[in-house]
Amino acid sequence: MAFQELLNQVGSLGRFQILQISFVLFLVGLVVPHITMENFTAAIPNHRCWAPILDNDTASDNGSRILSQDDLLRISIPLDSNLRLDKCRRFAQPQWHLLHLNGTFSNETEPDTEPCVDGWVYDRSNFLSTIVTEWDLVCESQALNSVAKFSFMIGLFIGAIICGHLSDRFGRKFILTCALLQFAITETCVAFAPSFFIYCLLRFLAGMSVEPISVNSHLLMLEWTSPKFLGMVAVLTSCAASIGYMILAGLAFLFRIWRHLQLAMSVPIFFFLILTRWMSESARWLIVTNKPQKGLKELRKVAHMNGMKNSGNTLTMEVVEASMKNELEAAKRKSSPRDLFHTPILRKRICVLSFMRYLFTISIFGLSLHLQHLSTNIILLQFLSSALGILISVIGHFVLNHMGRRITQLVLMSLRGIFMLTAVFVPQVGKSQDKQRRRIPSLKSQGFEELLELPSDPREENFVQDMVTIFSDDYSEFFF
C-alpha cells in the first residue's frame, strides 16, 4: 500500500484518471469485438450445388425454360437423410420423373449423385460476401471455418503467455503501443487477404496482440486508481466491451461485404494508436524498475492535472524512496511463477479462481463464437445480448457492493449454468408444426396439388406430410 499513499497525494480519481480511463474504455470497446468478428465475416449462408439446368442462363435442355424454378430444383438437387435438400450433392443427371410425383411412391433405384464439382450457389439475403462464400468453406471444406477461429484463439493463447513478462520488463505503455500497432496493421491487412492461408496467418498475429492490449489497458487503469474505485472500473470495462459488440452488430447490418466490415472495425484503431502518445506510464512500474526520476515526473504531472499543485510540489525523490522502500526491496529479489504456489492459501486460491475463470471463459466463447447455431438473425441476437450485458453489469455492481465477491460469484455462475442448461430444452416442435400448418394451404398455388391428396396409410401420410414441408420450406430457400 506504499504507492497508494503517493497516489492519494496526487489524486486517486481526478481529471487525469477520468481521461485515461475513458481512453482505455474506448480502446477496449474497439478491440474486444474483433474476437467475435467471424460471427459475421465467416457466417455460413444457405447453399446448394450449382446445377447447369438451374443456374446456366443459356441452358435449354429438354425444354427447361418452360419449367418453374420449383420444378428445376426438384429434378436437380436430391434430399439428404433428414429429408431436406442436400447442400453438398446434386443429381448427376436431371431426374425428370420426379415432376410426376403423386400419392404413390415407386421403388425405383436411387439415382446417381455427385459432389458440387461446379461450385455452390449461396443465399446472399443476409450477407453479400463472407470468407465462406469467397473461398467455398462448405461441405468437405467446412472444417476450415473452424480453423480460422482456431488460429485466432491460438494467437490469443500465445499472447496471454508472453504479455505478462513483456509488460514487467518493458513497461505497460510501450507494450500496449506495440501490440496496438500490430493489431491495427494485421486486422486491416485481413481485409485484403488474397487467400485463406494468408487470412488465418493474419488473424493469428492479430490474436497475439489482443491479450497484451487487454492486460496493459487494465493495468494502466488499475495502477492509477484507488482500490475503492476498482469495482466501478471493472463494471465500466464490461460495459465498454458490450457497447463494442453492439457497434459491431450495427456495422454488420450496414456493411454486408466482409472486407468492408473488417475495414470499418480496423481502420479507426490507427486513430487511437496516435492518442497513446499522451498516455502516462505506470509510475509504480517506473519506480519499482529503478526509474524513480521518471516515476516522480509522472506523479507530478498527474498532480498538476488533478489540481493538486501543492501536493505535486511537496513530492521529492526522498519522499518517493521512503514511501516505496519495502516495494523497492522486494523488487530486488528475483521472482518466478513458482512463487505463486509456495504458500498453501495462495496456491488454493489461484487454482480455484483459475478453474472458475476457465469455466467462465469457455462458456462465453462457446456461445459468442457460435451465434449462428442459436439464431438465424445473428445481428439482432448479438445486439440484444450485448444490451442485456450492460444491464447485468450495472446490476452486478450494486450486488457486488452489498453481497461481497464470493456470494456474487457463486450466484452468477450458478445462474449462468442454469440458463445454459435451460436453453437446451427450449421446445422447437410446436414452432415447426405451426409453420407446417401455415404452409400447406399455400401449396396449391405452388404446384403441389398432388401432395395434398394424402394416402390412407398413416405411415405414408406422415411421409407425404414431411415431403410437403420439405418442398415448401427448402425449395423456397434455395432460389438465390
Protein backbone atom coordinates (compact mmCIF):
# COMPACT_ATOMS: atom_id res chain seq x y z
CA MET A 1 0.00 0.00 0.00
CA ALA A 2 3.07 2.30 -0.10
CA PHE A 3 2.37 3.53 -3.61
CA GLN A 4 -1.25 4.10 -2.61
CA GLU A 5 -0.05 6.82 -0.23
CA LEU A 6 1.65 8.60 -3.12
CA LEU A 7 -1.46 8.17 -5.26
CA ASN A 8 -3.63 9.74 -2.57
CA GLN A 9 -1.35 12.81 -2.57
CA VAL A 10 -1.70 13.39 -6.32
CA GLY A 11 -5.41 12.37 -6.53
CA SER A 12 -6.74 8.84 -6.86
CA LEU A 13 -9.73 9.71 -9.07
CA GLY A 14 -9.38 13.10 -10.67
CA ARG A 15 -9.29 14.61 -14.13
CA PHE A 16 -6.27 12.53 -15.11
CA GLN A 17 -7.88 9.22 -14.15
CA ILE A 18 -11.12 10.12 -15.90
CA LEU A 19 -9.32 10.93 -19.16
CA GLN A 20 -7.05 7.88 -19.03
CA ILE A 21 -9.87 5.50 -18.12
CA SER A 22 -12.12 6.97 -20.83
CA PHE A 23 -9.42 6.44 -23.45
CA VAL A 24 -8.83 2.86 -22.34
CA LEU A 25 -12.57 2.13 -22.35
CA PHE A 26 -12.85 3.35 -25.95
CA LEU A 27 -9.89 1.13 -26.80
CA VAL A 28 -11.47 -1.92 -25.16
CA GLY A 29 -14.77 -1.29 -26.93
CA LEU A 30 -12.99 -1.24 -30.27
CA VAL A 31 -10.55 -4.15 -29.85
CA VAL A 32 -12.52 -6.78 -27.91
CA PRO A 33 -15.34 -7.21 -30.52
CA HIS A 34 -12.75 -8.46 -33.02
CA ILE A 35 -12.81 -11.74 -31.09
CA THR A 36 -16.34 -12.44 -32.39
CA MET A 37 -15.84 -10.79 -35.77
CA GLU A 38 -16.17 -14.12 -37.57
CA ASN A 39 -19.79 -14.45 -36.50
CA PHE A 40 -20.35 -12.09 -39.42
CA THR A 41 -17.28 -12.29 -41.65
CA ALA A 42 -17.39 -16.11 -41.58
CA ALA A 43 -21.16 -16.61 -41.46
CA ILE A 44 -22.30 -19.75 -43.29
CA PRO A 45 -25.28 -18.94 -45.55
CA ASN A 46 -27.72 -21.42 -47.02
CA HIS A 47 -26.20 -23.02 -50.06
CA ARG A 48 -26.71 -25.70 -52.67
CA CYS A 49 -24.80 -27.15 -55.60
CA TRP A 50 -24.53 -25.18 -58.79
CA ALA A 51 -26.65 -27.02 -61.35
CA PRO A 52 -26.40 -26.29 -65.10
CA ILE A 53 -30.11 -26.65 -65.75
CA LEU A 54 -30.83 -24.22 -62.89
CA ASP A 55 -28.06 -21.66 -62.97
CA ASN A 56 -26.81 -21.63 -66.56
CA ASP A 57 -28.70 -18.86 -68.32
CA THR A 58 -28.06 -20.41 -71.72
CA ALA A 59 -29.33 -23.86 -70.73
CA SER A 60 -32.33 -25.03 -72.74
CA ASP A 61 -32.04 -28.78 -72.44
CA ASN A 62 -35.29 -30.69 -72.68
CA GLY A 63 -37.31 -27.52 -72.77
CA SER A 64 -36.25 -26.48 -69.27
CA ARG A 65 -37.17 -22.87 -69.94
CA ILE A 66 -40.85 -23.66 -69.70
CA LEU A 67 -40.45 -25.22 -66.22
CA SER A 68 -40.70 -23.29 -62.99
CA GLN A 69 -37.77 -22.86 -60.63
CA ASP A 70 -39.50 -25.24 -58.21
CA ASP A 71 -39.54 -27.99 -60.80
CA LEU A 72 -35.96 -27.39 -61.89
CA LEU A 73 -34.73 -27.52 -58.32
CA ARG A 74 -36.68 -30.73 -57.64
CA ILE A 75 -35.08 -32.57 -60.52
CA SER A 76 -31.56 -31.23 -59.83
CA ILE A 77 -30.98 -31.44 -56.07
CA PRO A 78 -31.56 -34.62 -54.00
CA LEU A 79 -32.76 -34.85 -50.42
CA ASP A 80 -30.45 -35.77 -47.56
CA SER A 81 -31.09 -38.29 -44.76
CA ASN A 82 -33.23 -35.71 -42.93
CA LEU A 83 -35.44 -35.27 -46.00
CA ARG A 84 -34.04 -31.81 -46.60
CA LEU A 85 -32.32 -30.52 -49.68
CA ASP A 86 -28.77 -31.75 -49.81
CA LYS A 87 -26.26 -28.92 -49.59
CA CYS A 88 -23.29 -30.88 -50.84
CA ARG A 89 -24.54 -33.12 -53.64
CA ARG A 90 -26.58 -32.90 -56.84
CA PHE A 91 -28.08 -35.36 -59.29
CA ALA A 92 -25.63 -36.48 -61.94
CA GLN A 93 -28.48 -36.17 -64.47
CA PRO A 94 -31.81 -34.33 -64.20
CA GLN A 95 -34.47 -36.61 -62.69
CA TRP A 96 -37.45 -35.79 -64.87
CA HIS A 97 -39.63 -38.49 -63.35
CA LEU A 98 -39.79 -36.50 -60.10
CA LEU A 99 -42.00 -33.99 -61.86
CA HIS A 100 -44.80 -36.60 -61.89
CA LEU A 101 -44.77 -37.29 -58.16
CA ASN A 102 -48.19 -38.29 -56.85
CA GLY A 103 -49.76 -40.20 -53.99
CA THR A 104 -47.93 -43.45 -54.80
CA PHE A 105 -44.20 -43.89 -54.47
CA SER A 106 -42.36 -46.25 -56.73
CA ASN A 107 -39.46 -48.43 -55.68
CA GLU A 108 -37.09 -47.19 -58.37
CA THR A 109 -33.38 -47.42 -57.82
CA GLU A 110 -31.82 -44.40 -56.19
CA PRO A 111 -30.45 -42.06 -58.88
CA ASP A 112 -26.74 -41.30 -59.09
CA THR A 113 -25.49 -38.18 -57.35
CA GLU A 114 -22.19 -36.33 -57.42
CA PRO A 115 -20.41 -33.67 -55.36
CA CYS A 116 -20.66 -29.99 -56.20
CA VAL A 117 -17.95 -30.13 -58.84
CA ASP A 118 -19.01 -26.79 -60.33
CA GLY A 119 -19.23 -24.90 -57.06
CA TRP A 120 -22.12 -23.66 -54.96
CA VAL A 121 -24.90 -21.12 -55.08
CA TYR A 122 -25.24 -19.09 -51.86
CA ASP A 123 -28.08 -17.26 -50.23
CA ARG A 124 -26.95 -13.63 -50.16
CA SER A 125 -30.00 -12.16 -48.44
CA ASN A 126 -28.15 -11.59 -45.15
CA PHE A 127 -24.54 -11.13 -46.25
CA LEU A 128 -23.40 -10.39 -49.77
CA SER A 129 -19.98 -11.87 -49.09
CA THR A 130 -18.22 -13.81 -46.33
CA ILE A 131 -15.00 -15.78 -46.25
CA VAL A 132 -17.20 -18.86 -46.60
CA THR A 133 -18.68 -17.73 -49.89
CA GLU A 134 -15.39 -16.35 -51.17
CA TRP A 135 -13.31 -19.46 -50.54
CA ASP A 136 -16.12 -22.07 -50.55
CA LEU A 137 -15.64 -23.21 -46.94
CA VAL A 138 -18.59 -25.61 -47.05
CA CYS A 139 -19.16 -29.35 -47.29
CA GLU A 140 -15.76 -31.07 -47.41
CA SER A 141 -14.05 -27.77 -46.56
CA GLN A 142 -16.42 -26.73 -43.78
CA ALA A 143 -13.86 -27.67 -41.11
CA LEU A 144 -11.65 -24.85 -42.38
CA ASN A 145 -14.16 -22.40 -40.96
CA SER A 146 -13.23 -23.65 -37.50
CA VAL A 147 -9.56 -23.46 -38.43
CA ALA A 148 -9.95 -19.70 -38.95
CA LYS A 149 -11.35 -19.28 -35.43
CA PHE A 150 -8.78 -21.69 -34.03
CA SER A 151 -5.88 -19.70 -35.49
CA PHE A 152 -7.10 -16.54 -33.75
CA MET A 153 -7.54 -18.38 -30.45
CA ILE A 154 -4.05 -19.88 -30.67
CA GLY A 155 -2.68 -16.38 -31.15
CA LEU A 156 -4.73 -15.26 -28.15
CA PHE A 157 -3.22 -18.08 -26.06
CA ILE A 158 0.38 -17.31 -27.02
CA GLY A 159 -0.13 -13.60 -26.46
CA ALA A 160 -1.51 -14.27 -22.99
CA ILE A 161 1.59 -16.29 -22.07
CA ILE A 162 4.16 -13.70 -23.10
CA CYS A 163 2.38 -10.43 -22.36
CA GLY A 164 2.93 -10.51 -18.58
CA HIS A 165 6.68 -10.93 -18.83
CA LEU A 166 6.98 -8.29 -21.56
CA SER A 167 4.89 -5.79 -19.59
CA ASP A 168 7.02 -6.19 -16.46
CA ARG A 169 10.22 -5.80 -18.43
CA PHE A 170 9.45 -3.06 -20.97
CA GLY A 171 6.55 -1.22 -19.37
CA ARG A 172 2.80 -1.08 -19.77
CA LYS A 173 2.59 1.82 -22.20
CA PHE A 174 5.31 0.58 -24.55
CA ILE A 175 3.88 -2.94 -24.86
CA LEU A 176 0.35 -1.54 -25.27
CA THR A 177 1.51 0.74 -28.09
CA CYS A 178 3.41 -2.05 -29.88
CA ALA A 179 0.53 -4.51 -29.54
CA LEU A 180 -1.94 -1.90 -30.74
CA LEU A 181 0.22 -1.16 -33.78
CA GLN A 182 0.47 -4.87 -34.61
CA PHE A 183 -3.26 -5.33 -34.14
CA ALA A 184 -4.19 -2.34 -36.32
CA ILE A 185 -1.89 -3.42 -39.16
CA THR A 186 -2.80 -7.11 -39.16
CA GLU A 187 -6.56 -6.60 -38.83
CA THR A 188 -6.51 -4.03 -41.65
CA CYS A 189 -4.46 -6.37 -43.83
CA VAL A 190 -7.01 -9.13 -43.16
CA ALA A 191 -9.46 -7.17 -45.34
CA PHE A 192 -7.05 -7.58 -48.28
CA ALA A 193 -6.11 -11.22 -47.69
CA PRO A 194 -5.80 -12.91 -51.11
CA SER A 195 -6.10 -16.47 -49.80
CA PHE A 196 -7.46 -18.39 -46.86
CA PHE A 197 -3.97 -19.24 -45.62
CA ILE A 198 -2.95 -15.58 -45.51
CA TYR A 199 -6.24 -14.79 -43.77
CA CYS A 200 -5.55 -17.33 -41.00
CA LEU A 201 -1.96 -16.15 -40.61
CA LEU A 202 -3.03 -12.53 -40.19
CA ARG A 203 -5.76 -13.47 -37.73
CA PHE A 204 -3.19 -15.45 -35.74
CA LEU A 205 -0.93 -12.39 -35.50
CA ALA A 206 -3.90 -10.23 -34.56
CA GLY A 207 -4.87 -12.68 -31.84
CA MET A 208 -1.37 -12.49 -30.35
CA SER A 209 -1.81 -8.77 -29.72
CA VAL A 210 -5.27 -8.90 -28.09
CA GLU A 211 -4.14 -10.04 -24.64
CA PRO A 212 -1.25 -7.54 -24.40
CA ILE A 213 -3.71 -4.78 -25.26
CA SER A 214 -6.29 -6.00 -22.77
CA VAL A 215 -3.88 -6.70 -19.90
CA ASN A 216 -1.89 -3.47 -20.21
CA SER A 217 -5.06 -1.41 -20.66
CA HIS A 218 -6.37 -2.76 -17.37
CA LEU A 219 -3.03 -2.19 -15.65
CA LEU A 220 -2.89 1.44 -16.77
CA MET A 221 -6.32 1.92 -15.26
CA LEU A 222 -5.88 -0.06 -12.05
CA GLU A 223 -2.39 1.14 -11.15
CA TRP A 224 -3.56 4.76 -11.31
CA THR A 225 -6.83 4.23 -9.41
CA SER A 226 -7.67 3.88 -5.75
CA PRO A 227 -8.77 0.37 -4.67
CA LYS A 228 -12.18 1.64 -3.59
CA PHE A 229 -12.95 2.50 -7.24
CA LEU A 230 -11.74 -0.77 -8.77
CA GLY A 231 -15.23 -2.32 -8.77
CA MET A 232 -16.58 0.63 -10.73
CA VAL A 233 -13.71 0.42 -13.20
CA ALA A 234 -14.39 -3.29 -13.77
CA VAL A 235 -18.07 -2.58 -14.46
CA LEU A 236 -17.21 0.22 -16.89
CA THR A 237 -14.81 -2.08 -18.72
CA SER A 238 -17.51 -4.74 -19.08
CA CYS A 239 -19.98 -2.13 -20.33
CA ALA A 240 -17.42 -0.82 -22.84
CA ALA A 241 -16.96 -4.32 -24.28
CA SER A 242 -20.74 -4.78 -24.55
CA ILE A 243 -21.12 -1.43 -26.32
CA GLY A 244 -18.38 -2.51 -28.71
CA TYR A 245 -20.32 -5.68 -29.51
CA MET A 246 -23.42 -3.58 -30.18
CA ILE A 247 -21.43 -1.35 -32.53
CA LEU A 248 -20.15 -4.45 -34.32
CA ALA A 249 -23.73 -5.66 -34.81
CA GLY A 250 -24.74 -2.25 -36.19
CA LEU A 251 -21.80 -2.17 -38.60
CA ALA A 252 -22.57 -5.73 -39.70
CA PHE A 253 -26.06 -4.55 -40.59
CA LEU A 254 -24.65 -1.68 -42.67
CA PHE A 255 -21.72 -3.49 -44.31
CA ARG A 256 -22.84 -6.80 -45.83
CA ILE A 257 -19.48 -7.47 -47.50
CA TRP A 258 -16.98 -8.97 -45.07
CA ARG A 259 -13.99 -6.98 -46.33
CA HIS A 260 -15.84 -3.71 -45.82
CA LEU A 261 -16.88 -4.73 -42.30
CA GLN A 262 -13.30 -5.70 -41.49
CA LEU A 263 -12.04 -2.30 -42.59
CA ALA A 264 -14.77 -0.46 -40.71
CA MET A 265 -13.71 -2.16 -37.47
CA SER A 266 -9.93 -1.94 -38.03
CA VAL A 267 -9.07 1.45 -39.53
CA PRO A 268 -10.28 3.52 -36.50
CA ILE A 269 -7.67 1.75 -34.35
CA PHE A 270 -4.95 3.83 -36.03
CA PHE A 271 -6.55 6.96 -34.59
CA PHE A 272 -6.33 5.57 -31.06
CA LEU A 273 -2.76 4.49 -31.76
CA ILE A 274 -1.84 8.14 -32.21
CA LEU A 275 -3.54 9.08 -28.94
CA THR A 276 -1.40 6.66 -26.93
CA ARG A 277 1.36 9.26 -27.14
CA TRP A 278 -0.40 11.26 -24.42
CA MET A 279 -0.96 8.32 -22.08
CA SER A 280 1.02 8.16 -18.86
CA GLU A 281 3.18 5.20 -17.96
CA SER A 282 2.55 3.49 -14.64
CA ALA A 283 4.52 5.44 -12.02
CA ARG A 284 4.57 2.40 -9.81
CA TRP A 285 6.27 0.32 -12.51
CA LEU A 286 8.79 3.10 -13.19
CA ILE A 287 9.75 3.36 -9.52
CA VAL A 288 9.99 -0.40 -8.97
CA THR A 289 12.19 -0.84 -12.07
CA ASN A 290 14.78 1.68 -10.84
CA LYS A 291 13.45 4.64 -12.80
CA PRO A 292 12.40 6.85 -9.90
CA GLN A 293 13.07 10.13 -11.70
CA LYS A 294 10.60 9.25 -14.46
CA GLY A 295 8.13 7.97 -11.89
CA LEU A 296 8.35 11.23 -9.95
CA LYS A 297 7.81 13.17 -13.17
CA GLU A 298 4.64 11.21 -13.91
CA LEU A 299 3.33 11.73 -10.38
CA ARG A 300 3.87 15.48 -10.59
CA LYS A 301 2.12 15.60 -13.95
CA VAL A 302 -0.87 13.73 -12.53
CA ALA A 303 -0.97 16.07 -9.52
CA HIS A 304 -0.99 19.07 -11.83
CA MET A 305 -3.84 17.64 -13.96
CA ASN A 306 -5.87 16.79 -10.86
CA GLY A 307 -5.45 20.29 -9.42
CA MET A 308 -3.20 19.09 -6.59
CA LYS A 309 -0.38 21.54 -7.29
CA ASN A 310 0.68 21.84 -3.65
CA SER A 311 0.99 18.08 -3.34
CA GLY A 312 2.99 17.98 -6.53
CA ASN A 313 5.48 20.49 -5.19
CA THR A 314 5.97 18.52 -1.97
CA LEU A 315 6.75 15.32 -3.85
CA THR A 316 10.51 14.80 -3.82
CA MET A 317 12.80 11.89 -4.51
CA GLU A 318 13.28 11.36 -0.81
CA VAL A 319 9.51 11.09 -0.26
CA VAL A 320 9.15 8.63 -3.11
CA GLU A 321 12.01 6.44 -1.92
CA ALA A 322 10.76 6.46 1.66
CA SER A 323 7.22 5.53 0.63
CA MET A 324 8.33 2.79 -1.74
CA LYS A 325 11.12 1.37 0.42
CA ASN A 326 9.52 -2.00 1.02
CA GLU A 327 8.45 -2.44 -2.59
CA LEU A 328 11.90 -1.48 -3.85
CA GLU A 329 13.49 -4.08 -1.61
CA ALA A 330 11.02 -6.72 -2.75
CA ALA A 331 11.72 -5.86 -6.40
CA LYS A 332 15.42 -6.64 -5.93
CA ARG A 333 14.63 -10.28 -5.21
CA LYS A 334 14.24 -12.48 -8.26
CA SER A 335 10.79 -13.98 -8.62
CA SER A 336 9.27 -16.74 -10.72
CA PRO A 337 5.79 -18.15 -11.36
CA ARG A 338 6.58 -20.88 -8.82
CA ASP A 339 6.39 -18.30 -6.05
CA LEU A 340 2.63 -18.17 -6.56
CA PHE A 341 2.31 -21.78 -5.38
CA HIS A 342 4.60 -21.78 -2.36
CA THR A 343 2.04 -20.95 0.30
CA PRO A 344 -1.00 -23.25 0.70
CA ILE A 345 -3.62 -20.49 0.90
CA LEU A 346 -2.34 -18.63 -2.17
CA ARG A 347 -1.98 -21.89 -4.08
CA LYS A 348 -5.56 -22.87 -3.25
CA ARG A 349 -6.98 -19.51 -4.32
CA ILE A 350 -5.07 -19.45 -7.57
CA CYS A 351 -6.19 -22.96 -8.53
CA VAL A 352 -9.84 -22.31 -7.65
CA LEU A 353 -10.00 -18.93 -9.36
CA SER A 354 -8.20 -20.26 -12.44
CA PHE A 355 -10.68 -23.10 -12.72
CA MET A 356 -13.62 -20.70 -12.35
CA ARG A 357 -12.08 -18.42 -14.95
CA TYR A 358 -11.73 -21.39 -17.27
CA LEU A 359 -15.41 -22.29 -16.88
CA PHE A 360 -16.46 -18.69 -17.38
CA THR A 361 -14.29 -18.22 -20.48
CA ILE A 362 -15.28 -21.46 -22.19
CA SER A 363 -18.97 -20.69 -21.72
CA ILE A 364 -18.53 -17.15 -23.02
CA PHE A 365 -16.54 -18.14 -26.11
CA GLY A 366 -18.61 -21.27 -26.69
CA LEU A 367 -21.73 -19.15 -27.10
CA SER A 368 -20.38 -15.89 -28.52
CA LEU A 369 -18.38 -17.58 -31.29
CA HIS A 370 -21.30 -19.72 -32.49
CA LEU A 371 -24.28 -17.37 -32.56
CA GLN A 372 -25.36 -18.80 -35.89
CA HIS A 373 -26.25 -22.07 -34.15
CA LEU A 374 -28.61 -20.20 -31.83
CA SER A 375 -30.50 -17.96 -34.25
CA THR A 376 -30.74 -17.17 -37.93
CA ASN A 377 -30.73 -13.43 -37.17
CA ILE A 378 -27.27 -13.20 -35.63
CA ILE A 379 -27.15 -9.40 -35.93
CA LEU A 380 -30.23 -8.94 -33.74
CA LEU A 381 -29.06 -11.65 -31.32
CA GLN A 382 -25.66 -10.01 -30.90
CA PHE A 383 -27.20 -6.59 -30.34
CA LEU A 384 -29.77 -7.76 -27.78
CA SER A 385 -27.35 -9.98 -25.84
CA SER A 386 -24.85 -7.11 -25.64
CA ALA A 387 -27.51 -4.66 -24.46
CA LEU A 388 -28.55 -7.16 -21.81
CA GLY A 389 -24.90 -7.49 -20.80
CA ILE A 390 -24.77 -3.78 -19.96
CA LEU A 391 -27.81 -4.10 -17.73
CA ILE A 392 -26.41 -7.15 -15.95
CA SER A 393 -23.05 -5.41 -15.41
CA VAL A 394 -24.71 -2.40 -13.78
CA ILE A 395 -26.90 -4.59 -11.57
CA GLY A 396 -23.89 -6.74 -10.72
CA HIS A 397 -22.01 -3.69 -9.46
CA PHE A 398 -24.65 -2.94 -6.86
CA VAL A 399 -25.00 -6.60 -5.92
CA LEU A 400 -21.22 -6.82 -5.55
CA ASN A 401 -21.13 -3.93 -3.09
CA HIS A 402 -23.89 -5.41 -0.90
CA MET A 403 -23.24 -9.16 -1.09
CA GLY A 404 -19.49 -9.33 -1.49
CA ARG A 405 -17.29 -11.09 -4.04
CA ARG A 406 -17.75 -14.73 -3.06
CA ILE A 407 -21.55 -14.80 -2.83
CA THR A 408 -21.95 -12.75 -6.03
CA GLN A 409 -19.58 -15.07 -7.90
CA LEU A 410 -21.43 -18.14 -6.64
CA VAL A 411 -24.87 -16.81 -7.56
CA LEU A 412 -23.91 -15.53 -11.01
CA MET A 413 -22.02 -18.68 -12.00
CA SER A 414 -24.95 -20.83 -10.86
CA LEU A 415 -27.44 -18.72 -12.82
CA ARG A 416 -25.23 -18.92 -15.90
CA GLY A 417 -25.16 -22.71 -15.74
CA ILE A 418 -28.92 -22.96 -15.15
CA PHE A 419 -29.76 -20.68 -18.07
CA MET A 420 -27.41 -22.52 -20.41
CA LEU A 421 -28.92 -25.88 -19.49
CA THR A 422 -32.43 -24.49 -19.84
CA ALA A 423 -31.70 -23.27 -23.36
CA VAL A 424 -31.02 -26.86 -24.43
CA PHE A 425 -34.59 -27.89 -23.61
CA VAL A 426 -36.38 -25.00 -25.29
CA PRO A 427 -39.04 -26.72 -27.44
CA GLN A 428 -38.96 -26.24 -31.19
CA VAL A 429 -41.56 -28.82 -32.22
CA GLY A 430 -44.56 -26.57 -31.81
CA LYS A 431 -42.99 -23.91 -33.96
CA SER A 432 -42.28 -26.41 -36.72
CA GLN A 433 -45.82 -27.78 -36.64
CA ASP A 434 -47.32 -24.30 -36.81
CA LYS A 435 -45.13 -23.48 -39.76
CA GLN A 436 -46.23 -26.70 -41.48
CA ARG A 437 -49.92 -25.90 -40.95
CA ARG A 438 -49.40 -22.44 -42.40
CA ARG A 439 -47.51 -23.81 -45.39
CA ILE A 440 -49.97 -26.46 -46.54
CA PRO A 441 -52.81 -24.09 -47.62
CA SER A 442 -50.45 -22.30 -49.99
CA LEU A 443 -49.19 -25.41 -51.75
CA LYS A 444 -51.85 -25.33 -54.47
CA SER A 445 -50.51 -22.04 -55.71
CA GLN A 446 -47.01 -23.56 -55.85
CA GLY A 447 -47.94 -26.57 -57.95
CA PHE A 448 -48.07 -29.29 -55.26
CA GLU A 449 -51.72 -30.33 -55.66
CA GLU A 450 -50.76 -34.00 -55.89
CA LEU A 451 -49.06 -33.88 -52.49
CA LEU A 452 -52.29 -32.72 -50.85
CA GLU A 453 -54.02 -35.95 -51.84
CA LEU A 454 -52.74 -37.90 -48.87
CA PRO A 455 -52.98 -41.75 -48.96
CA SER A 456 -54.95 -43.68 -46.41
CA ASP A 457 -51.97 -45.48 -44.89
CA PRO A 458 -50.89 -43.45 -41.83
CA ARG A 459 -47.23 -44.24 -42.44
CA GLU A 460 -47.45 -42.94 -45.99
CA GLU A 461 -49.46 -39.98 -44.75
CA ASN A 462 -46.69 -38.94 -42.37
CA PHE A 463 -44.12 -39.38 -45.10
CA VAL A 464 -46.04 -37.23 -47.55
CA GLN A 465 -46.56 -34.51 -44.96
CA ASP A 466 -42.83 -34.50 -44.38
CA MET A 467 -42.32 -34.15 -48.11
CA VAL A 468 -44.80 -31.28 -48.21
CA THR A 469 -42.89 -29.44 -45.52
CA ILE A 470 -39.57 -30.13 -47.21
CA PHE A 471 -40.67 -28.88 -50.59
CA SER A 472 -42.48 -25.83 -49.28
CA ASP A 473 -39.69 -24.79 -46.88
CA ASP A 474 -36.46 -25.81 -48.54
CA TYR A 475 -37.16 -25.13 -52.19
CA SER A 476 -38.25 -21.59 -51.44
CA GLU A 477 -34.98 -21.01 -49.54
CA PHE A 478 -32.72 -22.10 -52.37
CA PHE A 479 -33.78 -19.67 -55.12
CA PHE A 480 -30.98 -17.22 -54.51
